[in-house]
Amino acid sequence: MWVDSVTDWLAKLSIEPTALTQLIVALSLIAIAAIVTHFILHHLVRRIMVRLAGSAQHIWNRALFEKQLFKRLSFIVQALIVQVQAQHWLEPGSVSLLLINSLTQLWILIFSVLVLFVILDVLLELSQYNRATRELPLRGIFQGIKLSATLLAAVIAISILIGKSPLILFSGLGAMTAVLLLVFKDPLMGWWLVYSCLPIRCYLWVTGWK
């Protein structure tokens, strides 16, 4: 058990193993793990990724570093490691464990949304190099996805803070969904019209009609 390990270690150092000292030691171990993980990801692994990205296409190089995709993914990994360490070193059901779990869940949620934003930006940039996708209203569609992801993340964040299931909050989102469809009806209709006209335009191009 973690309590026995910490107690034995404190006894060897001639420190009285009280609940406070055990908590301080556990938090210190978690902090050390977080610092070591940060150093490994943002210094060692990043250098390796920079070298590998040097031979990759320019767009993926920009996605990893200029758009900070790798940095945001690294923060997600750090939060996961902190969460695992907290569950290992802290007493189950303790206030400190619940607090760290809530904070790391919020951290992972925020940076997951930011990763999604970067991926959408990269896909939008890639679409400009293709004639078929260049004419699609992807910018409006991706903006709708970003807004929906932000609202979804906000609902999940609130559920984490209040300790309730997000399904309870989702039950009241019917009106919000209707508003979103009303706001983004023009980009969606434009995308549908362009997509439905693509076969006709291909036929006219093949047959030589103008």
C-alpha atoms as a PDB file:
ATOM      1  CA  MET A   1       0.000   0.000   0.000  1.00  0.00           C
ATOM      2  CA  TRP A   2       1.130   3.540  -0.684  1.00  0.00           C
ATOM      3  CA  VAL A   3       0.529   4.543   2.944  1.00  0.00           C
ATOM      4  CA  ASP A   4       2.893   1.854   4.208  1.00  0.00           C
ATOM      5  CA  SER A   5       5.568   2.844   1.700  1.00  0.00           C
ATOM      6  CA  VAL A   6       5.398   6.520   2.641  1.00  0.00           C
ATOM      7  CA  THR A   7       5.258   5.688   6.377  1.00  0.00           C
ATOM      8  CA  ASP A   8       8.330   3.440   6.167  1.00  0.00           C
ATOM      9  CA  TRP A   9      10.208   6.063   4.171  1.00  0.00           C
ATOM     10  CA  LEU A  10       9.372   8.782   6.675  1.00  0.00           C
ATOM     11  CA  ALA A  11      10.382   6.512   9.558  1.00  0.00           C
ATOM     12  CA  LYS A  12      13.814   5.973   7.987  1.00  0.00           C
ATOM     13  CA  LEU A  13      14.224   9.762   7.863  1.00  0.00           C
ATOM     14  CA  SER A  14      13.205  10.028  11.541  1.00  0.00           C
ATOM     15  CA  ILE A  15      10.108  12.044  10.601  1.00  0.00           C
ATOM     16  CA  GLU A  16       6.858  11.436  12.401  1.00  0.00           C
ATOM     17  CA  PRO A  17       4.449   9.921   9.804  1.00  0.00           C
ATOM     18  CA  THR A  18       1.422  12.130  10.346  1.00  0.00           C
ATOM     19  CA  ALA A  19      -1.364  12.603   7.814  1.00  0.00           C
ATOM     20  CA  LEU A  20       0.012  16.025   6.886  1.00  0.00           C
ATOM     21  CA  THR A  21       3.531  14.791   6.234  1.00  0.00           C
ATOM     22  CA  GLN A  22       2.210  11.906   4.159  1.00  0.00           C
ATOM     23  CA  LEU A  23       0.147  14.328   2.090  1.00  0.00           C
ATOM     24  CA  ILE A  24       3.141  16.624   1.590  1.00  0.00           C
ATOM     25  CA  VAL A  25       5.328  13.726   0.480  1.00  0.00           C
ATOM     26  CA  ALA A  26       2.663  12.431  -1.891  1.00  0.00           C
ATOM     27  CA  LEU A  27       2.142  15.859  -3.457  1.00  0.00           C
ATOM     28  CA  SER A  28       5.896  16.304  -3.760  1.00  0.00           C
ATOM     29  CA  LEU A  29       6.233  13.002  -5.604  1.00  0.00           C
ATOM     30  CA  ILE A  30       3.406  14.001  -7.946  1.00  0.00           C
ATOM     31  CA  ALA A  31       5.053  17.371  -8.589  1.00  0.00           C
ATOM     32  CA  ILE A  32       8.419  15.728  -9.295  1.00  0.00           C
ATOM     33  CA  ALA A  33       6.778  13.326 -11.755  1.00  0.00           C
ATOM     34  CA  ALA A  34       5.093  16.259 -13.497  1.00  0.00           C
ATOM     35  CA  ILE A  35       8.363  18.214 -13.759  1.00  0.00           C
ATOM     36  CA  VAL A  36      10.290  15.220 -15.100  1.00  0.00           C
ATOM     37  CA  THR A  37       7.558  14.495 -17.635  1.00  0.00           C
ATOM     38  CA  HIS A  38       7.540  18.143 -18.745  1.00  0.00           C
ATOM     39  CA  PHE A  39      11.307  18.107 -19.243  1.00  0.00           C
ATOM     40  CA  ILE A  40      11.234  14.855 -21.224  1.00  0.00           C
ATOM     41  CA  LEU A  41       8.379  15.893 -23.505  1.00  0.00           C
ATOM     42  CA  HIS A  42       9.275  19.549 -24.092  1.00  0.00           C
ATOM     43  CA  HIS A  43      13.041  19.129 -24.392  1.00  0.00           C
ATOM     44  CA  LEU A  44      14.103  15.596 -25.305  1.00  0.00           C
ATOM     45  CA  VAL A  45      11.100  14.396 -27.297  1.00  0.00           C
ATOM     46  CA  ARG A  46      10.615  17.820 -28.898  1.00  0.00           C
ATOM     47  CA  ARG A  47      14.182  17.799 -30.244  1.00  0.00           C
ATOM     48  CA  ILE A  48      13.583  14.409 -31.809  1.00  0.00           C
ATOM     49  CA  MET A  49      10.314  15.609 -33.333  1.00  0.00           C
ATOM     50  CA  VAL A  50      12.006  18.707 -34.744  1.00  0.00           C
ATOM     51  CA  ARG A  51      14.549  16.549 -36.530  1.00  0.00           C
ATOM     52  CA  LEU A  52      11.878  14.222 -37.895  1.00  0.00           C
ATOM     53  CA  ALA A  53       9.683  17.118 -38.973  1.00  0.00           C
ATOM     54  CA  GLY A  54      12.566  18.672 -40.857  1.00  0.00           C
ATOM     55  CA  SER A  55      12.186  16.063 -43.591  1.00  0.00           C
ATOM     56  CA  ALA A  56       8.366  16.137 -43.529  1.00  0.00           C
ATOM     57  CA  GLN A  57       6.075  18.284 -45.609  1.00  0.00           C
ATOM     58  CA  HIS A  58       5.923  21.948 -44.713  1.00  0.00           C
ATOM     59  CA  ILE A  59       2.258  21.809 -43.743  1.00  0.00           C
ATOM     60  CA  TRP A  60       2.817  19.085 -41.144  1.00  0.00           C
ATOM     61  CA  ASN A  61       5.873  20.915 -39.833  1.00  0.00           C
ATOM     62  CA  ARG A  62       3.687  23.973 -39.310  1.00  0.00           C
ATOM     63  CA  ALA A  63       0.977  21.869 -37.668  1.00  0.00           C
ATOM     64  CA  LEU A  64       3.376  20.328 -35.164  1.00  0.00           C
ATOM     65  CA  PHE A  65       5.272  23.433 -34.139  1.00  0.00           C
ATOM     66  CA  GLU A  66       3.969  26.702 -35.596  1.00  0.00           C
ATOM     67  CA  LYS A  67       0.386  25.782 -34.728  1.00  0.00           C
ATOM     68  CA  GLN A  68       1.601  24.125 -31.492  1.00  0.00           C
ATOM     69  CA  LEU A  69      -0.055  20.749 -32.044  1.00  0.00           C
ATOM     70  CA  PHE A  70       2.809  18.856 -30.414  1.00  0.00           C
ATOM     71  CA  LYS A  71       2.858  21.235 -27.431  1.00  0.00           C
ATOM     72  CA  ARG A  72      -0.846  20.788 -26.795  1.00  0.00           C
ATOM     73  CA  LEU A  73      -0.613  17.013 -27.083  1.00  0.00           C
ATOM     74  CA  SER A  74       2.285  17.074 -24.623  1.00  0.00           C
ATOM     75  CA  PHE A  75       0.174  18.908 -22.066  1.00  0.00           C
ATOM     76  CA  ILE A  76      -2.512  16.230 -22.395  1.00  0.00           C
ATOM     77  CA  VAL A  77       0.074  13.513 -21.732  1.00  0.00           C
ATOM     78  CA  GLN A  78       1.350  15.436 -18.702  1.00  0.00           C
ATOM     79  CA  ALA A  79      -2.139  15.696 -17.255  1.00  0.00           C
ATOM     80  CA  LEU A  80      -2.722  11.973 -17.734  1.00  0.00           C
ATOM     81  CA  ILE A  81       0.528  11.142 -15.936  1.00  0.00           C
ATOM     82  CA  VAL A  82      -0.323  13.490 -13.059  1.00  0.00           C
ATOM     83  CA  GLN A  83      -3.739  11.862 -12.771  1.00  0.00           C
ATOM     84  CA  VAL A  84      -2.235   8.366 -12.651  1.00  0.00           C
ATOM     85  CA  GLN A  85       0.343   9.435 -10.071  1.00  0.00           C
ATOM     86  CA  ALA A  86      -2.326  11.068  -7.925  1.00  0.00           C
ATOM     87  CA  GLN A  87      -4.424   7.913  -7.914  1.00  0.00           C
ATOM     88  CA  HIS A  88      -1.333   5.931  -6.900  1.00  0.00           C
ATOM     89  CA  TRP A  89       0.004   8.166  -4.129  1.00  0.00           C
ATOM     90  CA  LEU A  90      -3.106   9.792  -2.659  1.00  0.00           C
ATOM     91  CA  GLU A  91      -5.669   8.066  -0.508  1.00  0.00           C
ATOM     92  CA  PRO A  92      -8.796   7.007  -2.432  1.00  0.00           C
ATOM     93  CA  GLY A  93     -11.724   9.301  -1.784  1.00  0.00           C
ATOM     94  CA  SER A  94      -9.591  12.067  -0.263  1.00  0.00           C
ATOM     95  CA  VAL A  95     -10.294  15.722  -1.013  1.00  0.00           C
ATOM     96  CA  SER A  96      -6.853  16.225  -2.524  1.00  0.00           C
ATOM     97  CA  LEU A  97      -7.363  13.323  -4.935  1.00  0.00           C
ATOM     98  CA  LEU A  98     -10.790  14.583  -5.992  1.00  0.00           C
ATOM     99  CA  LEU A  99      -9.363  18.084  -6.524  1.00  0.00           C
ATOM    100  CA  ILE A 100      -6.439  16.869  -8.635  1.00  0.00           C
ATOM    101  CA  ASN A 101      -8.709  14.588 -10.674  1.00  0.00           C
ATOM    102  CA  SER A 102     -11.084  17.463 -11.409  1.00  0.00           C
ATOM    103  CA  LEU A 103      -8.248  19.812 -12.390  1.00  0.00           C
ATOM    104  CA  THR A 104      -6.553  17.265 -14.640  1.00  0.00           C
ATOM    105  CA  GLN A 105      -9.858  16.387 -16.306  1.00  0.00           C
ATOM    106  CA  LEU A 106     -10.467  20.063 -17.047  1.00  0.00           C
ATOM    107  CA  TRP A 107      -6.895  20.394 -18.304  1.00  0.00           C
ATOM    108  CA  ILE A 108      -7.291  17.426 -20.648  1.00  0.00           C
ATOM    109  CA  LEU A 109     -10.648  18.717 -21.857  1.00  0.00           C
ATOM    110  CA  ILE A 110      -9.312  22.194 -22.683  1.00  0.00           C
ATOM    111  CA  PHE A 111      -6.257  20.984 -24.565  1.00  0.00           C
ATOM    112  CA  SER A 112      -8.260  18.325 -26.393  1.00  0.00           C
ATOM    113  CA  VAL A 113     -10.458  21.088 -27.782  1.00  0.00           C
ATOM    114  CA  LEU A 114      -7.350  23.088 -28.733  1.00  0.00           C
ATOM    115  CA  VAL A 115      -5.930  20.029 -30.524  1.00  0.00           C
ATOM    116  CA  LEU A 116      -9.186  19.712 -32.454  1.00  0.00           C
ATOM    117  CA  PHE A 117      -8.915  23.380 -33.465  1.00  0.00           C
ATOM    118  CA  VAL A 118      -5.391  22.858 -34.805  1.00  0.00           C
ATOM    119  CA  ILE A 119      -6.440  19.778 -36.779  1.00  0.00           C
ATOM    120  CA  LEU A 120      -9.332  21.688 -38.342  1.00  0.00           C
ATOM    121  CA  ASP A 121      -7.024  24.589 -39.231  1.00  0.00           C
ATOM    122  CA  VAL A 122      -4.581  22.201 -40.892  1.00  0.00           C
ATOM    123  CA  LEU A 123      -7.373  20.485 -42.841  1.00  0.00           C
ATOM    124  CA  LEU A 124      -8.658  23.879 -43.961  1.00  0.00           C
ATOM    125  CA  GLU A 125      -5.196  24.849 -45.145  1.00  0.00           C
ATOM    126  CA  LEU A 126      -4.768  21.534 -46.954  1.00  0.00           C
ATOM    127  CA  SER A 127      -8.113  22.026 -48.686  1.00  0.00           C
ATOM    128  CA  GLN A 128      -6.735  25.117 -50.410  1.00  0.00           C
ATOM    129  CA  TYR A 129      -4.328  22.922 -52.406  1.00  0.00           C
ATOM    130  CA  ASN A 130      -7.124  20.831 -53.938  1.00  0.00           C
ATOM    131  CA  ARG A 131      -9.423  22.218 -56.616  1.00  0.00           C
ATOM    132  CA  ALA A 132     -12.428  20.145 -55.543  1.00  0.00           C
ATOM    133  CA  THR A 133     -12.254  21.054 -51.850  1.00  0.00           C
ATOM    134  CA  ARG A 134     -11.153  24.642 -52.468  1.00  0.00           C
ATOM    135  CA  GLU A 135     -14.661  25.610 -53.569  1.00  0.00           C
ATOM    136  CA  LEU A 136     -16.402  23.989 -50.624  1.00  0.00           C
ATOM    137  CA  PRO A 137     -17.492  26.285 -47.758  1.00  0.00           C
ATOM    138  CA  LEU A 138     -15.254  24.439 -45.323  1.00  0.00           C
ATOM    139  CA  ARG A 139     -14.399  27.543 -43.331  1.00  0.00           C
ATOM    140  CA  GLY A 140     -18.006  28.015 -42.233  1.00  0.00           C
ATOM    141  CA  ILE A 141     -18.410  24.305 -41.528  1.00  0.00           C
ATOM    142  CA  PHE A 142     -15.232  24.172 -39.440  1.00  0.00           C
ATOM    143  CA  GLN A 143     -16.291  27.276 -37.534  1.00  0.00           C
ATOM    144  CA  GLY A 144     -19.557  25.524 -36.741  1.00  0.00           C
ATOM    145  CA  ILE A 145     -17.629  22.473 -35.539  1.00  0.00           C
ATOM    146  CA  LYS A 146     -15.397  24.668 -33.366  1.00  0.00           C
ATOM    147  CA  LEU A 147     -18.386  26.408 -31.818  1.00  0.00           C
ATOM    148  CA  SER A 148     -20.153  23.100 -31.195  1.00  0.00           C
ATOM    149  CA  ALA A 149     -16.984  21.611 -29.655  1.00  0.00           C
ATOM    150  CA  THR A 150     -16.598  24.666 -27.409  1.00  0.00           C
ATOM    151  CA  LEU A 151     -20.192  24.417 -26.195  1.00  0.00           C
ATOM    152  CA  LEU A 152     -19.825  20.674 -25.662  1.00  0.00           C
ATOM    153  CA  ALA A 153     -16.595  21.197 -23.710  1.00  0.00           C
ATOM    154  CA  ALA A 154     -18.275  23.883 -21.604  1.00  0.00           C
ATOM    155  CA  VAL A 155     -21.092  21.505 -20.689  1.00  0.00           C
ATOM    156  CA  ILE A 156     -18.635  18.742 -19.789  1.00  0.00           C
ATOM    157  CA  ALA A 157     -16.528  21.199 -17.759  1.00  0.00           C
ATOM    158  CA  ILE A 158     -19.575  22.295 -15.782  1.00  0.00           C
ATOM    159  CA  SER A 159     -20.494  18.660 -15.148  1.00  0.00           C
ATOM    160  CA  ILE A 160     -16.975  18.005 -13.849  1.00  0.00           C
ATOM    161  CA  LEU A 161     -17.109  20.990 -11.511  1.00  0.00           C
ATOM    162  CA  ILE A 162     -20.530  20.139 -10.070  1.00  0.00           C
ATOM    163  CA  GLY A 163     -19.863  16.395 -10.025  1.00  0.00           C
ATOM    164  CA  LYS A 164     -22.921  15.509 -12.094  1.00  0.00           C
ATOM    165  CA  SER A 165     -23.378  13.502 -15.267  1.00  0.00           C
ATOM    166  CA  PRO A 166     -23.186  15.609 -18.445  1.00  0.00           C
ATOM    167  CA  LEU A 167     -26.337  13.821 -19.651  1.00  0.00           C
ATOM    168  CA  ILE A 168     -28.325  15.906 -17.200  1.00  0.00           C
ATOM    169  CA  LEU A 169     -27.024  19.081 -18.811  1.00  0.00           C
ATOM    170  CA  PHE A 170     -27.397  17.730 -22.337  1.00  0.00           C
ATOM    171  CA  SER A 171     -31.104  17.218 -21.765  1.00  0.00           C
ATOM    172  CA  GLY A 172     -31.595  20.986 -21.932  1.00  0.00           C
ATOM    173  CA  LEU A 173     -29.620  21.566 -25.123  1.00  0.00           C
ATOM    174  CA  GLY A 174     -32.449  21.010 -27.594  1.00  0.00           C
ATOM    175  CA  ALA A 175     -33.183  24.708 -27.923  1.00  0.00           C
ATOM    176  CA  MET A 176     -29.470  25.497 -28.222  1.00  0.00           C
ATOM    177  CA  THR A 177     -29.127  23.008 -31.078  1.00  0.00           C
ATOM    178  CA  ALA A 178     -32.003  24.671 -32.891  1.00  0.00           C
ATOM    179  CA  VAL A 179     -30.287  28.044 -32.510  1.00  0.00           C
ATOM    180  CA  LEU A 180     -27.015  26.647 -33.900  1.00  0.00           C
ATOM    181  CA  LEU A 181     -28.788  25.210 -36.921  1.00  0.00           C
ATOM    182  CA  LEU A 182     -30.452  28.558 -37.496  1.00  0.00           C
ATOM    183  CA  VAL A 183     -27.159  30.456 -37.236  1.00  0.00           C
ATOM    184  CA  PHE A 184     -25.186  28.141 -39.518  1.00  0.00           C
ATOM    185  CA  LYS A 185     -27.924  27.265 -41.978  1.00  0.00           C
ATOM    186  CA  ASP A 186     -26.307  29.333 -44.763  1.00  0.00           C
ATOM    187  CA  PRO A 187     -22.878  27.567 -44.652  1.00  0.00           C
ATOM    188  CA  LEU A 188     -24.588  24.185 -44.413  1.00  0.00           C
ATOM    189  CA  MET A 189     -26.921  24.927 -47.311  1.00  0.00           C
ATOM    190  CA  GLY A 190     -24.021  26.320 -49.348  1.00  0.00           C
ATOM    191  CA  TRP A 191     -21.995  23.175 -48.736  1.00  0.00           C
ATOM    192  CA  TRP A 192     -24.949  20.984 -49.712  1.00  0.00           C
ATOM    193  CA  LEU A 193     -25.588  22.961 -52.917  1.00  0.00           C
ATOM    194  CA  VAL A 194     -21.934  22.911 -53.966  1.00  0.00           C
ATOM    195  CA  TYR A 195     -21.611  19.222 -53.199  1.00  0.00           C
ATOM    196  CA  SER A 196     -24.823  18.361 -55.066  1.00  0.00           C
ATOM    197  CA  CYS A 197     -23.651  20.328 -58.128  1.00  0.00           C
ATOM    198  CA  LEU A 198     -20.250  18.624 -58.328  1.00  0.00           C
ATOM    199  CA  PRO A 199     -21.437  15.703 -60.538  1.00  0.00           C
ATOM    200  CA  ILE A 200     -23.046  18.150 -62.965  1.00  0.00           C
ATOM    201  CA  ARG A 201     -19.926  20.288 -63.130  1.00  0.00           C
ATOM    202  CA  CYS A 202     -17.757  17.213 -63.698  1.00  0.00           C
ATOM    203  CA  TYR A 203     -20.054  16.114 -66.539  1.00  0.00           C
ATOM    204  CA  LEU A 204     -19.904  19.540 -68.173  1.00  0.00           C
ATOM    205  CA  TRP A 205     -16.118  19.586 -67.853  1.00  0.00           C
ATOM    206  CA  VAL A 206     -15.738  16.122 -69.386  1.00  0.00           C
ATOM    207  CA  THR A 207     -18.134  16.821 -72.262  1.00  0.00           C
ATOM    208  CA  GLY A 208     -16.631  20.236 -72.974  1.00  0.00           C
ATOM    209  CA  TRP A 209     -19.754  22.258 -72.155  1.00  0.00           C
ATOM    210  CA  LYS A 210     -19.239  25.738 -70.705  1.00  0.00           C
END
